[in-house]
Amino acid sequence: SVTLTLLLTAVAFQFVLHDEVPKKAYWTILDWIMSAGLFVQLITCLLVFLNADDPHSPETSRAIFWELTDDSVREVERIFIYALMLPWVAGNAIMIV
């Protein structure tokens, strides 16, 4: 529930900023950062959903339903980290220069 709350908060923040930021025909750095943040939060929500258990039915696990093991979850997280590490490092390098 925390990840979904953060996602909704980010969307609300984007609505607030929409009226305050000058309108441009192209994407600014702020647009890219906000979109990347929303994307990361959405992927995080999906990962939490896929690995969460159903509290109303303890004998069935969503992880078993999706055939997720600890190793497969670690592999998905590893891919997620590597897929985001390069753009993050590149983006920060561009911001420094």
PDB file of N, CA and C in Angstrom:
ATOM      1  N   SER A   1       0.821  -1.192   0.000  1.00  0.00           N
ATOM      2  CA  SER A   1       0.000   0.000   0.000  1.00  0.00           C
ATOM      3  C   SER A   1       0.870   1.262   0.000  1.00  0.00           C
ATOM      4  N   VAL A   2       2.060   1.160   0.555  1.00  0.00           N
ATOM      5  CA  VAL A   2       2.939   2.325   0.588  1.00  0.00           C
ATOM      6  C   VAL A   2       3.401   2.688  -0.824  1.00  0.00           C
ATOM      7  N   THR A   3       3.732   1.693  -1.624  1.00  0.00           N
ATOM      8  CA  THR A   3       4.199   1.985  -2.981  1.00  0.00           C
ATOM      9  C   THR A   3       3.086   2.599  -3.823  1.00  0.00           C
ATOM     10  N   LEU A   4       1.867   2.124  -3.657  1.00  0.00           N
ATOM     11  CA  LEU A   4       0.747   2.699  -4.395  1.00  0.00           C
ATOM     12  C   LEU A   4       0.461   4.123  -3.928  1.00  0.00           C
ATOM     13  N   THR A   5       0.573   4.377  -2.624  1.00  0.00           N
ATOM     14  CA  THR A   5       0.387   5.726  -2.096  1.00  0.00           C
ATOM     15  C   THR A   5       1.439   6.675  -2.657  1.00  0.00           C
ATOM     16  N   LEU A   6       2.688   6.223  -2.735  1.00  0.00           N
ATOM     17  CA  LEU A   6       3.744   7.056  -3.312  1.00  0.00           C
ATOM     18  C   LEU A   6       3.491   7.340  -4.788  1.00  0.00           C
ATOM     19  N   LEU A   7       3.008   6.350  -5.515  1.00  0.00           N
ATOM     20  CA  LEU A   7       2.695   6.545  -6.930  1.00  0.00           C
ATOM     21  C   LEU A   7       1.583   7.578  -7.096  1.00  0.00           C
ATOM     22  N   LEU A   8       0.527   7.471  -6.315  1.00  0.00           N
ATOM     23  CA  LEU A   8      -0.567   8.435  -6.391  1.00  0.00           C
ATOM     24  C   LEU A   8      -0.121   9.828  -5.968  1.00  0.00           C
ATOM     25  N   THR A   9       0.758   9.912  -4.988  1.00  0.00           N
ATOM     26  CA  THR A   9       1.293  11.201  -4.562  1.00  0.00           C
ATOM     27  C   THR A   9       2.114  11.839  -5.677  1.00  0.00           C
ATOM     28  N   ALA A  10       2.907  11.050  -6.369  1.00  0.00           N
ATOM     29  CA  ALA A  10       3.712  11.577  -7.480  1.00  0.00           C
ATOM     30  C   ALA A  10       2.821  12.077  -8.613  1.00  0.00           C
ATOM     31  N   VAL A  11       1.737  11.352  -8.894  1.00  0.00           N
ATOM     32  CA  VAL A  11       0.806  11.793  -9.937  1.00  0.00           C
ATOM     33  C   VAL A  11       0.130  13.093  -9.518  1.00  0.00           C
ATOM     34  N   ALA A  12      -0.280  13.199  -8.262  1.00  0.00           N
ATOM     35  CA  ALA A  12      -0.888  14.440  -7.771  1.00  0.00           C
ATOM     36  C   ALA A  12       0.103  15.593  -7.836  1.00  0.00           C
ATOM     37  N   PHE A  13       1.349  15.334  -7.496  1.00  0.00           N
ATOM     38  CA  PHE A  13       2.387  16.358  -7.570  1.00  0.00           C
ATOM     39  C   PHE A  13       2.577  16.833  -9.005  1.00  0.00           C
ATOM     40  N   GLN A  14       2.487  15.906  -9.944  1.00  0.00           N
ATOM     41  CA  GLN A  14       2.623  16.273 -11.354  1.00  0.00           C
ATOM     42  C   GLN A  14       1.453  17.150 -11.799  1.00  0.00           C
ATOM     43  N   PHE A  15       0.259  16.868 -11.309  1.00  0.00           N
ATOM     44  CA  PHE A  15      -0.886  17.723 -11.628  1.00  0.00           C
ATOM     45  C   PHE A  15      -0.705  19.126 -11.070  1.00  0.00           C
ATOM     46  N   VAL A  16      -0.154  19.238  -9.862  1.00  0.00           N
ATOM     47  CA  VAL A  16       0.088  20.549  -9.262  1.00  0.00           C
ATOM     48  C   VAL A  16       1.139  21.307 -10.070  1.00  0.00           C
ATOM     49  N   LEU A  17       2.200  20.626 -10.460  1.00  0.00           N
ATOM     50  CA  LEU A  17       3.265  21.279 -11.229  1.00  0.00           C
ATOM     51  C   LEU A  17       2.824  21.662 -12.640  1.00  0.00           C
ATOM     52  N   HIS A  18       1.833  20.965 -13.171  1.00  0.00           N
ATOM     53  CA  HIS A  18       1.394  21.200 -14.549  1.00  0.00           C
ATOM     54  C   HIS A  18       1.000  22.662 -14.764  1.00  0.00           C
ATOM     55  N   ASP A  19       0.330  23.282 -13.789  1.00  0.00           N
ATOM     56  CA  ASP A  19      -0.088  24.675 -13.935  1.00  0.00           C
ATOM     57  C   ASP A  19       1.037  25.660 -13.642  1.00  0.00           C
ATOM     58  N   GLU A  20       2.043  25.237 -12.895  1.00  0.00           N
ATOM     59  CA  GLU A  20       3.125  26.134 -12.477  1.00  0.00           C
ATOM     60  C   GLU A  20       4.290  26.199 -13.453  1.00  0.00           C
ATOM     61  N   VAL A  21       4.458  25.160 -14.242  1.00  0.00           N
ATOM     62  CA  VAL A  21       5.608  25.069 -15.148  1.00  0.00           C
ATOM     63  C   VAL A  21       5.219  25.664 -16.509  1.00  0.00           C
ATOM     64  N   PRO A  22       6.100  26.457 -17.108  1.00  0.00           N
ATOM     65  CA  PRO A  22       5.780  27.008 -18.430  1.00  0.00           C
ATOM     66  C   PRO A  22       5.554  25.901 -19.456  1.00  0.00           C
ATOM     67  N   LYS A  23       4.611  26.147 -20.363  1.00  0.00           N
ATOM     68  CA  LYS A  23       4.293  25.165 -21.397  1.00  0.00           C
ATOM     69  C   LYS A  23       5.346  25.217 -22.501  1.00  0.00           C
ATOM     70  N   LYS A  24       5.882  24.060 -22.849  1.00  0.00           N
ATOM     71  CA  LYS A  24       6.889  23.941 -23.916  1.00  0.00           C
ATOM     72  C   LYS A  24       6.422  22.908 -24.914  1.00  0.00           C
ATOM     73  N   ALA A  25       6.862  23.050 -26.154  1.00  0.00           N
ATOM     74  CA  ALA A  25       6.510  22.090 -27.193  1.00  0.00           C
ATOM     75  C   ALA A  25       7.382  20.837 -27.116  1.00  0.00           C
ATOM     76  N   TYR A  26       8.407  20.859 -26.293  1.00  0.00           N
ATOM     77  CA  TYR A  26       9.333  19.741 -26.147  1.00  0.00           C
ATOM     78  C   TYR A  26       9.422  19.361 -24.675  1.00  0.00           C
ATOM     79  N   TRP A  27      10.003  18.199 -24.416  1.00  0.00           N
ATOM     80  CA  TRP A  27      10.154  17.737 -23.037  1.00  0.00           C
ATOM     81  C   TRP A  27      11.375  18.399 -22.403  1.00  0.00           C
ATOM     82  N   THR A  28      11.197  18.929 -21.221  1.00  0.00           N
ATOM     83  CA  THR A  28      12.305  19.517 -20.479  1.00  0.00           C
ATOM     84  C   THR A  28      12.932  18.448 -19.589  1.00  0.00           C
ATOM     85  N   ILE A  29      14.002  18.797 -18.921  1.00  0.00           N
ATOM     86  CA  ILE A  29      14.658  17.863 -18.000  1.00  0.00           C
ATOM     87  C   ILE A  29      13.694  17.465 -16.886  1.00  0.00           C
ATOM     88  N   LEU A  30      12.892  18.425 -16.411  1.00  0.00           N
ATOM     89  CA  LEU A  30      11.912  18.114 -15.362  1.00  0.00           C
ATOM     90  C   LEU A  30      10.892  17.088 -15.847  1.00  0.00           C
ATOM     91  N   ASP A  31      10.453  17.206 -17.095  1.00  0.00           N
ATOM     92  CA  ASP A  31       9.515  16.217 -17.650  1.00  0.00           C
ATOM     93  C   ASP A  31      10.131  14.822 -17.670  1.00  0.00           C
ATOM     94  N   TRP A  32      11.373  14.741 -18.090  1.00  0.00           N
ATOM     95  CA  TRP A  32      12.056  13.438 -18.139  1.00  0.00           C
ATOM     96  C   TRP A  32      12.225  12.857 -16.742  1.00  0.00           C
ATOM     97  N   ILE A  33      12.599  13.690 -15.782  1.00  0.00           N
ATOM     98  CA  ILE A  33      12.808  13.212 -14.414  1.00  0.00           C
ATOM     99  C   ILE A  33      11.499  12.738 -13.804  1.00  0.00           C
ATOM    100  N   MET A  34      10.435  13.520 -13.982  1.00  0.00           N
ATOM    101  CA  MET A  34       9.137  13.128 -13.426  1.00  0.00           C
ATOM    102  C   MET A  34       8.611  11.849 -14.085  1.00  0.00           C
ATOM    103  N   SER A  35       8.773  11.729 -15.393  1.00  0.00           N
ATOM    104  CA  SER A  35       8.313  10.527 -16.087  1.00  0.00           C
ATOM    105  C   SER A  35       9.119   9.304 -15.666  1.00  0.00           C
ATOM    106  N   ALA A  36      10.416   9.469 -15.517  1.00  0.00           N
ATOM    107  CA  ALA A  36      11.258   8.363 -15.067  1.00  0.00           C
ATOM    108  C   ALA A  36      10.877   7.943 -13.652  1.00  0.00           C
ATOM    109  N   GLY A  37      10.600   8.918 -12.787  1.00  0.00           N
ATOM    110  CA  GLY A  37      10.179   8.606 -11.424  1.00  0.00           C
ATOM    111  C   GLY A  37       8.871   7.845 -11.391  1.00  0.00           C
ATOM    112  N   LEU A  38       7.912   8.255 -12.216  1.00  0.00           N
ATOM    113  CA  LEU A  38       6.640   7.544 -12.292  1.00  0.00           C
ATOM    114  C   LEU A  38       6.828   6.126 -12.815  1.00  0.00           C
ATOM    115  N   PHE A  39       7.696   5.978 -13.807  1.00  0.00           N
ATOM    116  CA  PHE A  39       7.970   4.656 -14.368  1.00  0.00           C
ATOM    117  C   PHE A  39       8.585   3.736 -13.315  1.00  0.00           C
ATOM    118  N   VAL A  40       9.561   4.231 -12.577  1.00  0.00           N
ATOM    119  CA  VAL A  40      10.207   3.429 -11.534  1.00  0.00           C
ATOM    120  C   VAL A  40       9.193   3.036 -10.460  1.00  0.00           C
ATOM    121  N   GLN A  41       8.339   3.970 -10.065  1.00  0.00           N
ATOM    122  CA  GLN A  41       7.340   3.659  -9.049  1.00  0.00           C
ATOM    123  C   GLN A  41       6.313   2.653  -9.563  1.00  0.00           C
ATOM    124  N   LEU A  42       5.946   2.757 -10.823  1.00  0.00           N
ATOM    125  CA  LEU A  42       5.012   1.804 -11.397  1.00  0.00           C
ATOM    126  C   LEU A  42       5.610   0.397 -11.434  1.00  0.00           C
ATOM    127  N   ILE A  43       6.858   0.286 -11.848  1.00  0.00           N
ATOM    128  CA  ILE A  43       7.527  -1.022 -11.873  1.00  0.00           C
ATOM    129  C   ILE A  43       7.646  -1.581 -10.451  1.00  0.00           C
ATOM    130  N   THR A  44       7.943  -0.713  -9.491  1.00  0.00           N
ATOM    131  CA  THR A  44       8.035  -1.155  -8.101  1.00  0.00           C
ATOM    132  C   THR A  44       6.693  -1.688  -7.611  1.00  0.00           C
ATOM    133  N   CYS A  45       5.605  -0.991  -7.945  1.00  0.00           N
ATOM    134  CA  CYS A  45       4.267  -1.469  -7.571  1.00  0.00           C
ATOM    135  C   CYS A  45       3.993  -2.835  -8.180  1.00  0.00           C
ATOM    136  N   LEU A  46       4.373  -3.016  -9.441  1.00  0.00           N
ATOM    137  CA  LEU A  46       4.160  -4.305 -10.093  1.00  0.00           C
ATOM    138  C   LEU A  46       4.968  -5.413  -9.426  1.00  0.00           C
ATOM    139  N   LEU A  47       6.222  -5.130  -9.077  1.00  0.00           N
ATOM    140  CA  LEU A  47       7.051  -6.135  -8.410  1.00  0.00           C
ATOM    141  C   LEU A  47       6.485  -6.505  -7.048  1.00  0.00           C
ATOM    142  N   VAL A  48       6.003  -5.519  -6.311  1.00  0.00           N
ATOM    143  CA  VAL A  48       5.399  -5.799  -5.006  1.00  0.00           C
ATOM    144  C   VAL A  48       4.131  -6.624  -5.180  1.00  0.00           C
ATOM    145  N   PHE A  49       3.310  -6.264  -6.168  1.00  0.00           N
ATOM    146  CA  PHE A  49       2.072  -7.013  -6.416  1.00  0.00           C
ATOM    147  C   PHE A  49       2.364  -8.463  -6.785  1.00  0.00           C
ATOM    148  N   LEU A  50       3.324  -8.679  -7.648  1.00  0.00           N
ATOM    149  CA  LEU A  50       3.619 -10.035  -8.098  1.00  0.00           C
ATOM    150  C   LEU A  50       4.191 -10.915  -6.995  1.00  0.00           C
ATOM    151  N   ASN A  51       4.813 -10.303  -6.000  1.00  0.00           N
ATOM    152  CA  ASN A  51       5.444 -11.097  -4.947  1.00  0.00           C
ATOM    153  C   ASN A  51       4.670 -11.064  -3.628  1.00  0.00           C
ATOM    154  N   ALA A  52       3.498 -10.427  -3.618  1.00  0.00           N
ATOM    155  CA  ALA A  52       2.729 -10.312  -2.375  1.00  0.00           C
ATOM    156  C   ALA A  52       1.872 -11.557  -2.159  1.00  0.00           C
ATOM    157  N   ASP A  53       1.627 -11.846  -0.916  1.00  0.00           N
ATOM    158  CA  ASP A  53       0.744 -12.959  -0.556  1.00  0.00           C
ATOM    159  C   ASP A  53      -0.651 -12.422  -0.252  1.00  0.00           C
ATOM    160  N   ASP A  54      -1.648 -13.283  -0.399  1.00  0.00           N
ATOM    161  CA  ASP A  54      -3.023 -12.908  -0.107  1.00  0.00           C
ATOM    162  C   ASP A  54      -3.270 -13.093   1.388  1.00  0.00           C
ATOM    163  N   PRO A  55      -3.536 -12.006   2.132  1.00  0.00           N
ATOM    164  CA  PRO A  55      -3.703 -12.145   3.583  1.00  0.00           C
ATOM    165  C   PRO A  55      -4.978 -12.883   3.970  1.00  0.00           C
ATOM    166  N   HIS A  56      -5.969 -12.966   3.063  1.00  0.00           N
ATOM    167  CA  HIS A  56      -7.230 -13.631   3.377  1.00  0.00           C
ATOM    168  C   HIS A  56      -7.161 -15.140   3.152  1.00  0.00           C
ATOM    169  N   SER A  57      -6.133 -15.578   2.456  1.00  0.00           N
ATOM    170  CA  SER A  57      -5.990 -16.995   2.176  1.00  0.00           C
ATOM    171  C   SER A  57      -4.536 -17.397   2.367  1.00  0.00           C
ATOM    172  N   PRO A  58      -4.147 -17.710   3.612  1.00  0.00           N
ATOM    173  CA  PRO A  58      -2.735 -17.989   3.878  1.00  0.00           C
ATOM    174  C   PRO A  58      -2.201 -19.240   3.185  1.00  0.00           C
ATOM    175  N   GLU A  59      -3.093 -20.180   2.824  1.00  0.00           N
ATOM    176  CA  GLU A  59      -2.583 -21.396   2.190  1.00  0.00           C
ATOM    177  C   GLU A  59      -2.208 -21.174   0.725  1.00  0.00           C
ATOM    178  N   THR A  60      -2.734 -20.138   0.105  1.00  0.00           N
ATOM    179  CA  THR A  60      -2.347 -19.835  -1.276  1.00  0.00           C
ATOM    180  C   THR A  60      -1.452 -18.610  -1.284  1.00  0.00           C
ATOM    181  N   SER A  61      -0.418 -18.709  -2.006  1.00  0.00           N
ATOM    182  CA  SER A  61       0.538 -17.612  -2.107  1.00  0.00           C
ATOM    183  C   SER A  61       0.559 -17.130  -3.545  1.00  0.00           C
ATOM    184  N   ARG A  62       0.511 -15.824  -3.729  1.00  0.00           N
ATOM    185  CA  ARG A  62       0.580 -15.276  -5.075  1.00  0.00           C
ATOM    186  C   ARG A  62       1.931 -15.588  -5.701  1.00  0.00           C
ATOM    187  N   ALA A  63       2.959 -15.675  -4.874  1.00  0.00           N
ATOM    188  CA  ALA A  63       4.279 -16.023  -5.395  1.00  0.00           C
ATOM    189  C   ALA A  63       4.262 -17.426  -6.004  1.00  0.00           C
ATOM    190  N   ILE A  64       3.523 -18.331  -5.389  1.00  0.00           N
ATOM    191  CA  ILE A  64       3.403 -19.685  -5.949  1.00  0.00           C
ATOM    192  C   ILE A  64       2.534 -19.651  -7.202  1.00  0.00           C
ATOM    193  N   PHE A  65       1.458 -18.841  -7.163  1.00  0.00           N
ATOM    194  CA  PHE A  65       0.582 -18.731  -8.322  1.00  0.00           C
ATOM    195  C   PHE A  65       1.343 -18.251  -9.544  1.00  0.00           C
ATOM    196  N   TRP A  66       2.215 -17.289  -9.358  1.00  0.00           N
ATOM    197  CA  TRP A  66       3.011 -16.758 -10.468  1.00  0.00           C
ATOM    198  C   TRP A  66       4.277 -17.565 -10.684  1.00  0.00           C
ATOM    199  N   GLU A  67       4.461 -18.629  -9.904  1.00  0.00           N
ATOM    200  CA  GLU A  67       5.634 -19.489  -9.969  1.00  0.00           C
ATOM    201  C   GLU A  67       6.924 -18.694  -9.754  1.00  0.00           C
ATOM    202  N   LEU A  68       6.868 -17.791  -8.795  1.00  0.00           N
ATOM    203  CA  LEU A  68       8.046 -17.004  -8.454  1.00  0.00           C
ATOM    204  C   LEU A  68       8.781 -17.679  -7.305  1.00  0.00           C
ATOM    205  N   THR A  69      10.057 -17.819  -7.488  1.00  0.00           N
ATOM    206  CA  THR A  69      10.902 -18.313  -6.413  1.00  0.00           C
ATOM    207  C   THR A  69      11.797 -17.173  -5.975  1.00  0.00           C
ATOM    208  N   ASP A  70      12.502 -17.379  -4.884  1.00  0.00           N
ATOM    209  CA  ASP A  70      13.423 -16.336  -4.429  1.00  0.00           C
ATOM    210  C   ASP A  70      14.462 -16.020  -5.499  1.00  0.00           C
ATOM    211  N   ASP A  71      14.924 -17.046  -6.203  1.00  0.00           N
ATOM    212  CA  ASP A  71      15.927 -16.830  -7.249  1.00  0.00           C
ATOM    213  C   ASP A  71      15.359 -16.020  -8.416  1.00  0.00           C
ATOM    214  N   SER A  72      14.128 -16.321  -8.834  1.00  0.00           N
ATOM    215  CA  SER A  72      13.550 -15.588  -9.958  1.00  0.00           C
ATOM    216  C   SER A  72      13.239 -14.142  -9.571  1.00  0.00           C
ATOM    217  N   VAL A  73      12.826 -13.932  -8.314  1.00  0.00           N
ATOM    218  CA  VAL A  73      12.581 -12.561  -7.850  1.00  0.00           C
ATOM    219  C   VAL A  73      13.894 -11.780  -7.818  1.00  0.00           C
ATOM    220  N   ARG A  74      14.950 -12.414  -7.338  1.00  0.00           N
ATOM    221  CA  ARG A  74      16.262 -11.749  -7.331  1.00  0.00           C
ATOM    222  C   ARG A  74      16.716 -11.419  -8.750  1.00  0.00           C
ATOM    223  N   GLU A  75      16.445 -12.309  -9.701  1.00  0.00           N
ATOM    224  CA  GLU A  75      16.828 -12.064 -11.089  1.00  0.00           C
ATOM    225  C   GLU A  75      16.052 -10.883 -11.672  1.00  0.00           C
ATOM    226  N   VAL A  76      14.757 -10.804 -11.396  1.00  0.00           N
ATOM    227  CA  VAL A  76      13.959  -9.667 -11.864  1.00  0.00           C
ATOM    228  C   VAL A  76      14.467  -8.377 -11.238  1.00  0.00           C
ATOM    229  N   GLU A  77      14.752  -8.399  -9.946  1.00  0.00           N
ATOM    230  CA  GLU A  77      15.278  -7.208  -9.273  1.00  0.00           C
ATOM    231  C   GLU A  77      16.644  -6.819  -9.831  1.00  0.00           C
ATOM    232  N   ARG A  78      17.480  -7.795 -10.140  1.00  0.00           N
ATOM    233  CA  ARG A  78      18.800  -7.508 -10.708  1.00  0.00           C
ATOM    234  C   ARG A  78      18.664  -6.834 -12.076  1.00  0.00           C
ATOM    235  N   ILE A  79      17.767  -7.358 -12.907  1.00  0.00           N
ATOM    236  CA  ILE A  79      17.530  -6.749 -14.223  1.00  0.00           C
ATOM    237  C   ILE A  79      16.992  -5.333 -14.046  1.00  0.00           C
ATOM    238  N   PHE A  80      16.076  -5.159 -13.105  1.00  0.00           N
ATOM    239  CA  PHE A  80      15.491  -3.851 -12.827  1.00  0.00           C
ATOM    240  C   PHE A  80      16.569  -2.857 -12.394  1.00  0.00           C
ATOM    241  N   ILE A  81      17.465  -3.293 -11.525  1.00  0.00           N
ATOM    242  CA  ILE A  81      18.531  -2.412 -11.046  1.00  0.00           C
ATOM    243  C   ILE A  81      19.469  -2.021 -12.181  1.00  0.00           C
ATOM    244  N   TYR A  82      19.905  -2.995 -12.969  1.00  0.00           N
ATOM    245  CA  TYR A  82      20.819  -2.698 -14.064  1.00  0.00           C
ATOM    246  C   TYR A  82      20.162  -1.840 -15.144  1.00  0.00           C
ATOM    247  N   ALA A  83      18.876  -2.080 -15.398  1.00  0.00           N
ATOM    248  CA  ALA A  83      18.176  -1.304 -16.429  1.00  0.00           C
ATOM    249  C   ALA A  83      18.026   0.157 -16.021  1.00  0.00           C
ATOM    250  N   LEU A  84      18.024   0.421 -14.727  1.00  0.00           N
ATOM    251  CA  LEU A  84      17.871   1.799 -14.263  1.00  0.00           C
ATOM    252  C   LEU A  84      19.190   2.450 -13.855  1.00  0.00           C
ATOM    253  N   MET A  85      20.207   1.651 -13.581  1.00  0.00           N
ATOM    254  CA  MET A  85      21.471   2.210 -13.122  1.00  0.00           C
ATOM    255  C   MET A  85      22.152   3.040 -14.210  1.00  0.00           C
ATOM    256  N   LEU A  86      22.202   2.527 -15.421  1.00  0.00           N
ATOM    257  CA  LEU A  86      22.868   3.240 -16.510  1.00  0.00           C
ATOM    258  C   LEU A  86      22.186   4.572 -16.823  1.00  0.00           C
ATOM    259  N   PRO A  87      20.844   4.616 -16.990  1.00  0.00           N
ATOM    260  CA  PRO A  87      20.222   5.925 -17.225  1.00  0.00           C
ATOM    261  C   PRO A  87      20.397   6.892 -16.057  1.00  0.00           C
ATOM    262  N   TRP A  88      20.391   6.364 -14.825  1.00  0.00           N
ATOM    263  CA  TRP A  88      20.562   7.233 -13.674  1.00  0.00           C
ATOM    264  C   TRP A  88      21.960   7.856 -13.652  1.00  0.00           C
ATOM    265  N   VAL A  89      22.980   7.035 -13.886  1.00  0.00           N
ATOM    266  CA  VAL A  89      24.355   7.532 -13.907  1.00  0.00           C
ATOM    267  C   VAL A  89      24.537   8.511 -15.076  1.00  0.00           C
ATOM    268  N   ALA A  90      24.001   8.167 -16.255  1.00  0.00           N
ATOM    269  CA  ALA A  90      24.126   9.047 -17.409  1.00  0.00           C
ATOM    270  C   ALA A  90      23.402  10.369 -17.173  1.00  0.00           C
ATOM    271  N   GLY A  91      22.207  10.286 -16.611  1.00  0.00           N
ATOM    272  CA  GLY A  91      21.448  11.515 -16.323  1.00  0.00           C
ATOM    273  C   GLY A  91      22.151  12.410 -15.341  1.00  0.00           C
ATOM    274  N   ASN A  92      22.723  11.833 -14.290  1.00  0.00           N
ATOM    275  CA  ASN A  92      23.447  12.650 -13.317  1.00  0.00           C
ATOM    276  C   ASN A  92      24.739  13.212 -13.901  1.00  0.00           C
ATOM    277  N   ALA A  93      25.383  12.451 -14.763  1.00  0.00           N
ATOM    278  CA  ALA A  93      26.603  12.968 -15.417  1.00  0.00           C
ATOM    279  C   ALA A  93      26.248  14.162 -16.307  1.00  0.00           C
ATOM    280  N   ILE A  94      25.127  14.082 -17.005  1.00  0.00           N
ATOM    281  CA  ILE A  94      24.702  15.197 -17.848  1.00  0.00           C
ATOM    282  C   ILE A  94      24.358  16.412 -16.998  1.00  0.00           C
ATOM    283  N   MET A  95      23.714  16.198 -15.863  1.00  0.00           N
ATOM    284  CA  MET A  95      23.338  17.314 -14.985  1.00  0.00           C
ATOM    285  C   MET A  95      24.568  17.994 -14.401  1.00  0.00           C
ATOM    286  N   ILE A  96      25.634  17.231 -14.134  1.00  0.00           N
ATOM    287  CA  ILE A  96      26.857  17.810 -13.573  1.00  0.00           C
ATOM    288  C   ILE A  96      27.558  18.681 -14.600  1.00  0.00           C
ATOM    289  N   VAL A  97      27.599  18.201 -15.834  1.00  0.00           N
ATOM    290  CA  VAL A  97      28.284  18.932 -16.909  1.00  0.00           C
ATOM    291  C   VAL A  97      27.419  20.062 -17.308  1.00  0.00           C
TER     292      VAL A  97
END
